[in-house]
Amino acid sequence: MKQYLRGLRLGFPIGLGYLSVSFTFGIMAVSLGFSWYQAVLISMLTLTSAGQLAGIQVMVNPGQYIAMLISQLTINMRYSFMSVSLSQKVSPKFKGIKRWLLGFFITDEIFAVASQENDVEPKLFLGLSTAPWIGWTLGTLLGSLIGNILPEIVMCSLCIAIYGMFLAIVIPPAKKSKPILIVIAITAVLNCILYYVPYLRDIPSGISISICAITASLIGAFLFPIESEEIENE
């Protein structure tokens, strides 16, 4: 029980952050035509901010299943790498269905906190994941319900907040690393091209996200390769 409570304490700040961000997701989902319970179910069963944002954009245009598949694979692939990395630090008790839970609850913030532990116990990880999951679901519920009564101009304004979360993620490392800044700039330029250039702007949003992410990553890997010695030192 002590391990669970400790994890709960570590995850509480993450849950508070998720509460505000998912509030915006709930508003955005309702503005696109989803009902409040559909938005809540999406947050309960996926727990992926960028994936959900891209997913609902594709879902409002029925039939784009390939676009949905490609965009979700591209966006959420990082969670697979995080799970593999964290699995090297879990205790022997972390096996069977407990590893499934690790894969489901893993997010950028949960991974960052859990990776600081020398030995990740199942109860610790469950406690660490509880507040973020509740915060993300509750925030979506509140946002989707309030979104039904707020003026449209207010809903559109609040929808910008979810992009603020992504800026908060990329700006700090970009200030410290020139290669990261360049890769971000390349991604922004590619996105503008796919959004404004005739014919290219007809590409589904999910495919556009994947093209920008993969292309910018490949260019970054080619221009700024990391030697194996550097990785080992880190």
C-alpha atoms as a PDB file:
ATOM      1  CA  MET A   1       0.000   0.000   0.000  1.00  0.00           C
ATOM      2  CA  LYS A   2       2.905   2.359   0.724  1.00  0.00           C
ATOM      3  CA  GLN A   3       4.165   1.928  -2.832  1.00  0.00           C
ATOM      4  CA  TYR A   4       0.733   2.753  -4.259  1.00  0.00           C
ATOM      5  CA  LEU A   5       0.365   5.870  -2.091  1.00  0.00           C
ATOM      6  CA  ARG A   6       3.840   7.018  -3.058  1.00  0.00           C
ATOM      7  CA  GLY A   7       2.992   6.575  -6.730  1.00  0.00           C
ATOM      8  CA  LEU A   8      -0.286   8.413  -6.190  1.00  0.00           C
ATOM      9  CA  ARG A   9       1.611  11.327  -4.682  1.00  0.00           C
ATOM     10  CA  LEU A  10       4.061  11.409  -7.599  1.00  0.00           C
ATOM     11  CA  GLY A  11       1.274  11.291 -10.159  1.00  0.00           C
ATOM     12  CA  PHE A  12      -0.967  13.928  -8.566  1.00  0.00           C
ATOM     13  CA  PRO A  13       0.734  16.928 -10.264  1.00  0.00           C
ATOM     14  CA  ILE A  14       0.470  15.140 -13.620  1.00  0.00           C
ATOM     15  CA  GLY A  15      -3.235  14.564 -12.999  1.00  0.00           C
ATOM     16  CA  LEU A  16      -3.799  18.265 -12.336  1.00  0.00           C
ATOM     17  CA  GLY A  17      -2.047  19.156 -15.583  1.00  0.00           C
ATOM     18  CA  TYR A  18      -4.069  16.597 -17.524  1.00  0.00           C
ATOM     19  CA  LEU A  19      -7.288  17.965 -16.016  1.00  0.00           C
ATOM     20  CA  SER A  20      -6.804  21.346 -17.669  1.00  0.00           C
ATOM     21  CA  VAL A  21      -5.555  20.010 -20.998  1.00  0.00           C
ATOM     22  CA  SER A  22      -8.274  17.368 -21.404  1.00  0.00           C
ATOM     23  CA  PHE A  23     -10.871  20.016 -20.526  1.00  0.00           C
ATOM     24  CA  THR A  24      -9.910  21.618 -23.822  1.00  0.00           C
ATOM     25  CA  PHE A  25     -10.091  18.273 -25.617  1.00  0.00           C
ATOM     26  CA  GLY A  26     -13.654  17.794 -24.343  1.00  0.00           C
ATOM     27  CA  ILE A  27     -14.658  21.194 -25.702  1.00  0.00           C
ATOM     28  CA  MET A  28     -12.988  20.479 -29.040  1.00  0.00           C
ATOM     29  CA  ALA A  29     -14.690  17.081 -29.361  1.00  0.00           C
ATOM     30  CA  VAL A  30     -18.121  18.603 -28.717  1.00  0.00           C
ATOM     31  CA  SER A  31     -17.444  21.418 -31.195  1.00  0.00           C
ATOM     32  CA  LEU A  32     -16.771  18.754 -33.863  1.00  0.00           C
ATOM     33  CA  GLY A  33     -20.104  17.042 -33.200  1.00  0.00           C
ATOM     34  CA  PHE A  34     -19.235  14.349 -30.639  1.00  0.00           C
ATOM     35  CA  SER A  35     -21.528  13.801 -27.670  1.00  0.00           C
ATOM     36  CA  TRP A  36     -20.155  14.180 -24.135  1.00  0.00           C
ATOM     37  CA  TYR A  37     -20.116  10.441 -23.446  1.00  0.00           C
ATOM     38  CA  GLN A  38     -18.298   9.695 -26.703  1.00  0.00           C
ATOM     39  CA  ALA A  39     -15.578  12.187 -25.775  1.00  0.00           C
ATOM     40  CA  VAL A  40     -15.272  10.660 -22.289  1.00  0.00           C
ATOM     41  CA  LEU A  41     -15.031   7.114 -23.676  1.00  0.00           C
ATOM     42  CA  ILE A  42     -12.268   8.200 -26.049  1.00  0.00           C
ATOM     43  CA  SER A  43     -10.252   9.599 -23.141  1.00  0.00           C
ATOM     44  CA  MET A  44     -10.940   6.600 -20.893  1.00  0.00           C
ATOM     45  CA  LEU A  45      -9.865   4.041 -23.475  1.00  0.00           C
ATOM     46  CA  THR A  46      -6.929   5.729 -25.224  1.00  0.00           C
ATOM     47  CA  LEU A  47      -5.147   8.242 -22.953  1.00  0.00           C
ATOM     48  CA  THR A  48      -3.144   9.888 -25.724  1.00  0.00           C
ATOM     49  CA  SER A  49      -3.432  13.635 -26.181  1.00  0.00           C
ATOM     50  CA  ALA A  50      -1.965  14.052 -29.666  1.00  0.00           C
ATOM     51  CA  GLY A  51      -3.496  10.773 -30.835  1.00  0.00           C
ATOM     52  CA  GLN A  52      -6.947  11.812 -29.664  1.00  0.00           C
ATOM     53  CA  LEU A  53      -6.652  15.238 -31.246  1.00  0.00           C
ATOM     54  CA  ALA A  54      -5.663  13.749 -34.602  1.00  0.00           C
ATOM     55  CA  GLY A  55      -8.174  10.935 -34.233  1.00  0.00           C
ATOM     56  CA  ILE A  56     -11.276  13.083 -33.832  1.00  0.00           C
ATOM     57  CA  GLN A  57     -10.198  15.213 -36.791  1.00  0.00           C
ATOM     58  CA  VAL A  58     -10.239  12.082 -38.958  1.00  0.00           C
ATOM     59  CA  MET A  59     -13.386  10.607 -37.385  1.00  0.00           C
ATOM     60  CA  VAL A  60     -15.519  13.563 -38.482  1.00  0.00           C
ATOM     61  CA  ASN A  61     -14.762  12.523 -42.075  1.00  0.00           C
ATOM     62  CA  PRO A  62     -16.082   8.925 -42.297  1.00  0.00           C
ATOM     63  CA  GLY A  63     -14.239   6.415 -44.438  1.00  0.00           C
ATOM     64  CA  GLN A  64     -10.689   7.640 -43.836  1.00  0.00           C
ATOM     65  CA  TYR A  65      -9.657   4.456 -42.056  1.00  0.00           C
ATOM     66  CA  ILE A  66      -6.226   4.248 -43.697  1.00  0.00           C
ATOM     67  CA  ALA A  67      -5.518   7.835 -42.676  1.00  0.00           C
ATOM     68  CA  MET A  68      -6.581   7.004 -39.122  1.00  0.00           C
ATOM     69  CA  LEU A  69      -4.335   3.931 -39.027  1.00  0.00           C
ATOM     70  CA  ILE A  70      -1.255   5.712 -40.354  1.00  0.00           C
ATOM     71  CA  SER A  71      -1.642   8.808 -38.197  1.00  0.00           C
ATOM     72  CA  GLN A  72      -2.199   6.829 -34.994  1.00  0.00           C
ATOM     73  CA  LEU A  73       0.747   4.533 -35.679  1.00  0.00           C
ATOM     74  CA  THR A  74       3.005   7.523 -36.311  1.00  0.00           C
ATOM     75  CA  ILE A  75       1.856   9.560 -33.328  1.00  0.00           C
ATOM     76  CA  ASN A  76       1.696   6.742 -30.784  1.00  0.00           C
ATOM     77  CA  MET A  77       4.777   4.796 -31.857  1.00  0.00           C
ATOM     78  CA  ARG A  78       6.780   6.625 -29.190  1.00  0.00           C
ATOM     79  CA  TYR A  79       4.743   4.928 -26.470  1.00  0.00           C
ATOM     80  CA  SER A  80       6.002   1.560 -27.678  1.00  0.00           C
ATOM     81  CA  PHE A  81       9.604   2.713 -27.315  1.00  0.00           C
ATOM     82  CA  MET A  82       8.862   4.156 -23.873  1.00  0.00           C
ATOM     83  CA  SER A  83       7.278   0.884 -22.761  1.00  0.00           C
ATOM     84  CA  VAL A  84      10.264  -1.139 -23.992  1.00  0.00           C
ATOM     85  CA  SER A  85      12.677   1.226 -22.258  1.00  0.00           C
ATOM     86  CA  LEU A  86      10.751   1.198 -18.976  1.00  0.00           C
ATOM     87  CA  SER A  87      10.324  -2.577 -19.072  1.00  0.00           C
ATOM     88  CA  GLN A  88      14.071  -2.845 -18.440  1.00  0.00           C
ATOM     89  CA  LYS A  89      13.631  -1.179 -15.043  1.00  0.00           C
ATOM     90  CA  VAL A  90      10.535  -2.931 -13.718  1.00  0.00           C
ATOM     91  CA  SER A  91      10.679  -5.433 -10.870  1.00  0.00           C
ATOM     92  CA  PRO A  92      10.251  -9.183 -11.441  1.00  0.00           C
ATOM     93  CA  LYS A  93       6.699  -8.820 -10.067  1.00  0.00           C
ATOM     94  CA  PHE A  94       5.792  -6.817 -13.157  1.00  0.00           C
ATOM     95  CA  LYS A  95       4.641  -9.646 -15.437  1.00  0.00           C
ATOM     96  CA  GLY A  96       1.593 -10.970 -17.249  1.00  0.00           C
ATOM     97  CA  ILE A  97      -1.393  -8.635 -17.382  1.00  0.00           C
ATOM     98  CA  LYS A  98       0.511  -6.108 -15.294  1.00  0.00           C
ATOM     99  CA  ARG A  99       2.719  -5.407 -18.311  1.00  0.00           C
ATOM    100  CA  TRP A 100      -0.420  -4.759 -20.332  1.00  0.00           C
ATOM    101  CA  LEU A 101      -1.331  -2.086 -17.812  1.00  0.00           C
ATOM    102  CA  LEU A 102       2.127  -0.563 -18.231  1.00  0.00           C
ATOM    103  CA  GLY A 103       1.574  -0.347 -21.975  1.00  0.00           C
ATOM    104  CA  PHE A 104      -1.886   1.185 -21.583  1.00  0.00           C
ATOM    105  CA  PHE A 105      -1.053   3.864 -19.012  1.00  0.00           C
ATOM    106  CA  ILE A 106       2.303   4.944 -20.406  1.00  0.00           C
ATOM    107  CA  THR A 107       2.436   8.625 -21.385  1.00  0.00           C
ATOM    108  CA  ASP A 108       5.283  11.093 -21.794  1.00  0.00           C
ATOM    109  CA  GLU A 109       4.893  12.458 -18.263  1.00  0.00           C
ATOM    110  CA  ILE A 110       4.296   9.105 -16.550  1.00  0.00           C
ATOM    111  CA  PHE A 111       7.317   7.672 -18.338  1.00  0.00           C
ATOM    112  CA  ALA A 112       9.464  10.637 -17.291  1.00  0.00           C
ATOM    113  CA  VAL A 113       8.607  10.130 -13.610  1.00  0.00           C
ATOM    114  CA  ALA A 114       8.764   6.321 -13.627  1.00  0.00           C
ATOM    115  CA  SER A 115      12.122   6.287 -15.410  1.00  0.00           C
ATOM    116  CA  GLN A 116      13.655   8.100 -12.438  1.00  0.00           C
ATOM    117  CA  GLU A 117      13.027   5.015 -10.277  1.00  0.00           C
ATOM    118  CA  ASN A 118      15.655   2.324  -9.942  1.00  0.00           C
ATOM    119  CA  ASP A 119      13.069  -0.437  -9.602  1.00  0.00           C
ATOM    120  CA  VAL A 120       9.480   0.158 -10.745  1.00  0.00           C
ATOM    121  CA  GLU A 121       7.030  -1.859  -8.652  1.00  0.00           C
ATOM    122  CA  PRO A 122       3.543  -2.663 -10.038  1.00  0.00           C
ATOM    123  CA  LYS A 123       1.799  -0.876  -7.148  1.00  0.00           C
ATOM    124  CA  LEU A 124       4.000   2.174  -7.579  1.00  0.00           C
ATOM    125  CA  PHE A 125       3.229   2.375 -11.281  1.00  0.00           C
ATOM    126  CA  LEU A 126      -0.483   1.838 -10.689  1.00  0.00           C
ATOM    127  CA  GLY A 127      -0.508   4.656  -8.144  1.00  0.00           C
ATOM    128  CA  LEU A 128       1.486   6.859 -10.519  1.00  0.00           C
ATOM    129  CA  SER A 129      -1.047   6.224 -13.302  1.00  0.00           C
ATOM    130  CA  THR A 130      -4.237   6.671 -11.263  1.00  0.00           C
ATOM    131  CA  ALA A 131      -4.323  10.472 -10.912  1.00  0.00           C
ATOM    132  CA  PRO A 132      -3.344  11.170 -14.559  1.00  0.00           C
ATOM    133  CA  TRP A 133      -6.033   8.776 -15.858  1.00  0.00           C
ATOM    134  CA  ILE A 134      -8.708  10.248 -13.582  1.00  0.00           C
ATOM    135  CA  GLY A 135      -7.575  13.801 -14.382  1.00  0.00           C
ATOM    136  CA  TRP A 136      -7.637  13.169 -18.114  1.00  0.00           C
ATOM    137  CA  THR A 137     -11.083  11.537 -18.004  1.00  0.00           C
ATOM    138  CA  LEU A 138     -12.622  14.035 -15.580  1.00  0.00           C
ATOM    139  CA  GLY A 139     -11.259  17.002 -17.525  1.00  0.00           C
ATOM    140  CA  THR A 140     -12.766  15.629 -20.730  1.00  0.00           C
ATOM    141  CA  LEU A 141     -16.124  15.169 -18.997  1.00  0.00           C
ATOM    142  CA  LEU A 142     -16.154  18.716 -17.645  1.00  0.00           C
ATOM    143  CA  GLY A 143     -15.039  20.197 -20.938  1.00  0.00           C
ATOM    144  CA  SER A 144     -17.604  18.296 -22.991  1.00  0.00           C
ATOM    145  CA  LEU A 145     -20.471  19.230 -20.651  1.00  0.00           C
ATOM    146  CA  ILE A 146     -19.546  22.886 -20.308  1.00  0.00           C
ATOM    147  CA  GLY A 147     -18.834  23.019 -24.019  1.00  0.00           C
ATOM    148  CA  ASN A 148     -22.551  22.569 -24.658  1.00  0.00           C
ATOM    149  CA  ILE A 149     -23.426  25.835 -22.919  1.00  0.00           C
ATOM    150  CA  LEU A 150     -20.432  28.064 -23.695  1.00  0.00           C
ATOM    151  CA  PRO A 151     -20.634  30.528 -26.612  1.00  0.00           C
ATOM    152  CA  GLU A 152     -18.956  29.318 -29.784  1.00  0.00           C
ATOM    153  CA  ILE A 153     -16.316  32.060 -29.682  1.00  0.00           C
ATOM    154  CA  VAL A 154     -15.288  30.956 -26.169  1.00  0.00           C
ATOM    155  CA  MET A 155     -15.087  27.296 -27.211  1.00  0.00           C
ATOM    156  CA  CYS A 156     -12.881  28.161 -30.185  1.00  0.00           C
ATOM    157  CA  SER A 157     -10.613  30.228 -27.946  1.00  0.00           C
ATOM    158  CA  LEU A 158     -10.246  27.477 -25.347  1.00  0.00           C
ATOM    159  CA  CYS A 159      -9.422  24.923 -28.036  1.00  0.00           C
ATOM    160  CA  ILE A 160      -6.105  26.738 -28.515  1.00  0.00           C
ATOM    161  CA  ALA A 161      -5.022  25.605 -25.040  1.00  0.00           C
ATOM    162  CA  ILE A 162      -4.348  22.029 -26.151  1.00  0.00           C
ATOM    163  CA  TYR A 163      -1.804  23.334 -28.657  1.00  0.00           C
ATOM    164  CA  GLY A 164      -0.222  25.263 -25.804  1.00  0.00           C
ATOM    165  CA  MET A 165       0.560  21.916 -24.148  1.00  0.00           C
ATOM    166  CA  PHE A 166       2.474  20.780 -27.225  1.00  0.00           C
ATOM    167  CA  LEU A 167       4.388  24.069 -27.290  1.00  0.00           C
ATOM    168  CA  ALA A 168       5.287  23.572 -23.634  1.00  0.00           C
ATOM    169  CA  ILE A 169       6.745  20.172 -24.551  1.00  0.00           C
ATOM    170  CA  VAL A 170       8.855  21.231 -27.549  1.00  0.00           C
ATOM    171  CA  ILE A 171      10.030  24.751 -26.651  1.00  0.00           C
ATOM    172  CA  PRO A 172      12.274  23.905 -23.617  1.00  0.00           C
ATOM    173  CA  PRO A 173      14.390  21.301 -25.475  1.00  0.00           C
ATOM    174  CA  ALA A 174      14.433  23.514 -28.588  1.00  0.00           C
ATOM    175  CA  LYS A 175      15.978  26.346 -26.548  1.00  0.00           C
ATOM    176  CA  LYS A 176      18.781  24.024 -25.452  1.00  0.00           C
ATOM    177  CA  SER A 177      19.405  22.160 -28.702  1.00  0.00           C
ATOM    178  CA  LYS A 178      19.896  23.700 -32.147  1.00  0.00           C
ATOM    179  CA  PRO A 179      19.244  20.369 -33.978  1.00  0.00           C
ATOM    180  CA  ILE A 180      15.871  20.010 -32.230  1.00  0.00           C
ATOM    181  CA  LEU A 181      14.995  23.601 -33.137  1.00  0.00           C
ATOM    182  CA  ILE A 182      15.839  22.956 -36.782  1.00  0.00           C
ATOM    183  CA  VAL A 183      13.762  19.755 -36.875  1.00  0.00           C
ATOM    184  CA  ILE A 184      10.803  21.633 -35.374  1.00  0.00           C
ATOM    185  CA  ALA A 185      11.212  24.390 -37.977  1.00  0.00           C
ATOM    186  CA  ILE A 186      11.310  21.798 -40.779  1.00  0.00           C
ATOM    187  CA  THR A 187       8.128  20.227 -39.435  1.00  0.00           C
ATOM    188  CA  ALA A 188       6.392  23.623 -39.332  1.00  0.00           C
ATOM    189  CA  VAL A 189       7.421  24.445 -42.906  1.00  0.00           C
ATOM    190  CA  LEU A 190       6.250  21.065 -44.193  1.00  0.00           C
ATOM    191  CA  ASN A 191       2.925  21.458 -42.405  1.00  0.00           C
ATOM    192  CA  CYS A 192       2.406  24.905 -43.972  1.00  0.00           C
ATOM    193  CA  ILE A 193       3.175  23.487 -47.422  1.00  0.00           C
ATOM    194  CA  LEU A 194       0.679  20.646 -46.981  1.00  0.00           C
ATOM    195  CA  TYR A 195      -1.932  23.044 -45.627  1.00  0.00           C
ATOM    196  CA  TYR A 196      -1.709  25.878 -48.168  1.00  0.00           C
ATOM    197  CA  VAL A 197      -0.404  24.424 -51.437  1.00  0.00           C
ATOM    198  CA  PRO A 198      -3.193  23.441 -53.870  1.00  0.00           C
ATOM    199  CA  TYR A 199      -3.748  19.693 -54.300  1.00  0.00           C
ATOM    200  CA  LEU A 200      -1.475  18.987 -51.328  1.00  0.00           C
ATOM    201  CA  ARG A 201      -4.007  20.534 -48.948  1.00  0.00           C
ATOM    202  CA  ASP A 202      -6.483  17.870 -50.044  1.00  0.00           C
ATOM    203  CA  ILE A 203      -4.395  15.229 -48.259  1.00  0.00           C
ATOM    204  CA  PRO A 204      -6.240  14.015 -45.102  1.00  0.00           C
ATOM    205  CA  SER A 205      -5.017  15.639 -41.888  1.00  0.00           C
ATOM    206  CA  GLY A 206      -3.932  12.306 -40.396  1.00  0.00           C
ATOM    207  CA  ILE A 207      -1.708  11.530 -43.392  1.00  0.00           C
ATOM    208  CA  SER A 208      -0.307  15.085 -43.342  1.00  0.00           C
ATOM    209  CA  ILE A 209       0.733  14.712 -39.693  1.00  0.00           C
ATOM    210  CA  SER A 210       2.501  11.444 -40.491  1.00  0.00           C
ATOM    211  CA  ILE A 211       4.280  12.896 -43.528  1.00  0.00           C
ATOM    212  CA  CYS A 212       5.550  15.890 -41.545  1.00  0.00           C
ATOM    213  CA  ALA A 213       6.672  13.823 -38.553  1.00  0.00           C
ATOM    214  CA  ILE A 214       8.441  11.087 -40.513  1.00  0.00           C
ATOM    215  CA  THR A 215      10.065  13.423 -43.054  1.00  0.00           C
ATOM    216  CA  ALA A 216      11.346  15.860 -40.417  1.00  0.00           C
ATOM    217  CA  SER A 217      12.665  12.966 -38.296  1.00  0.00           C
ATOM    218  CA  LEU A 218      14.535  11.438 -41.234  1.00  0.00           C
ATOM    219  CA  ILE A 219      16.050  14.791 -42.185  1.00  0.00           C
ATOM    220  CA  GLY A 220      17.060  15.367 -38.558  1.00  0.00           C
ATOM    221  CA  ALA A 221      18.631  11.910 -38.309  1.00  0.00           C
ATOM    222  CA  PHE A 222      20.597  12.542 -41.531  1.00  0.00           C
ATOM    223  CA  LEU A 223      21.770  16.054 -40.605  1.00  0.00           C
ATOM    224  CA  PHE A 224      22.411  15.440 -36.908  1.00  0.00           C
ATOM    225  CA  PRO A 225      23.304  11.760 -36.360  1.00  0.00           C
ATOM    226  CA  ILE A 226      23.977  10.655 -32.789  1.00  0.00           C
ATOM    227  CA  GLU A 227      26.967   8.379 -32.387  1.00  0.00           C
ATOM    228  CA  SER A 228      26.537   5.214 -30.338  1.00  0.00           C
ATOM    229  CA  GLU A 229      29.174   6.468 -27.881  1.00  0.00           C
ATOM    230  CA  GLU A 230      27.043   9.543 -27.123  1.00  0.00           C
ATOM    231  CA  ILE A 231      23.992   7.401 -26.429  1.00  0.00           C
ATOM    232  CA  GLU A 232      25.972   5.171 -24.065  1.00  0.00           C
ATOM    233  CA  ASN A 233      27.315   8.216 -22.182  1.00  0.00           C
ATOM    234  CA  GLU A 234      23.795   9.595 -21.738  1.00  0.00           C
END
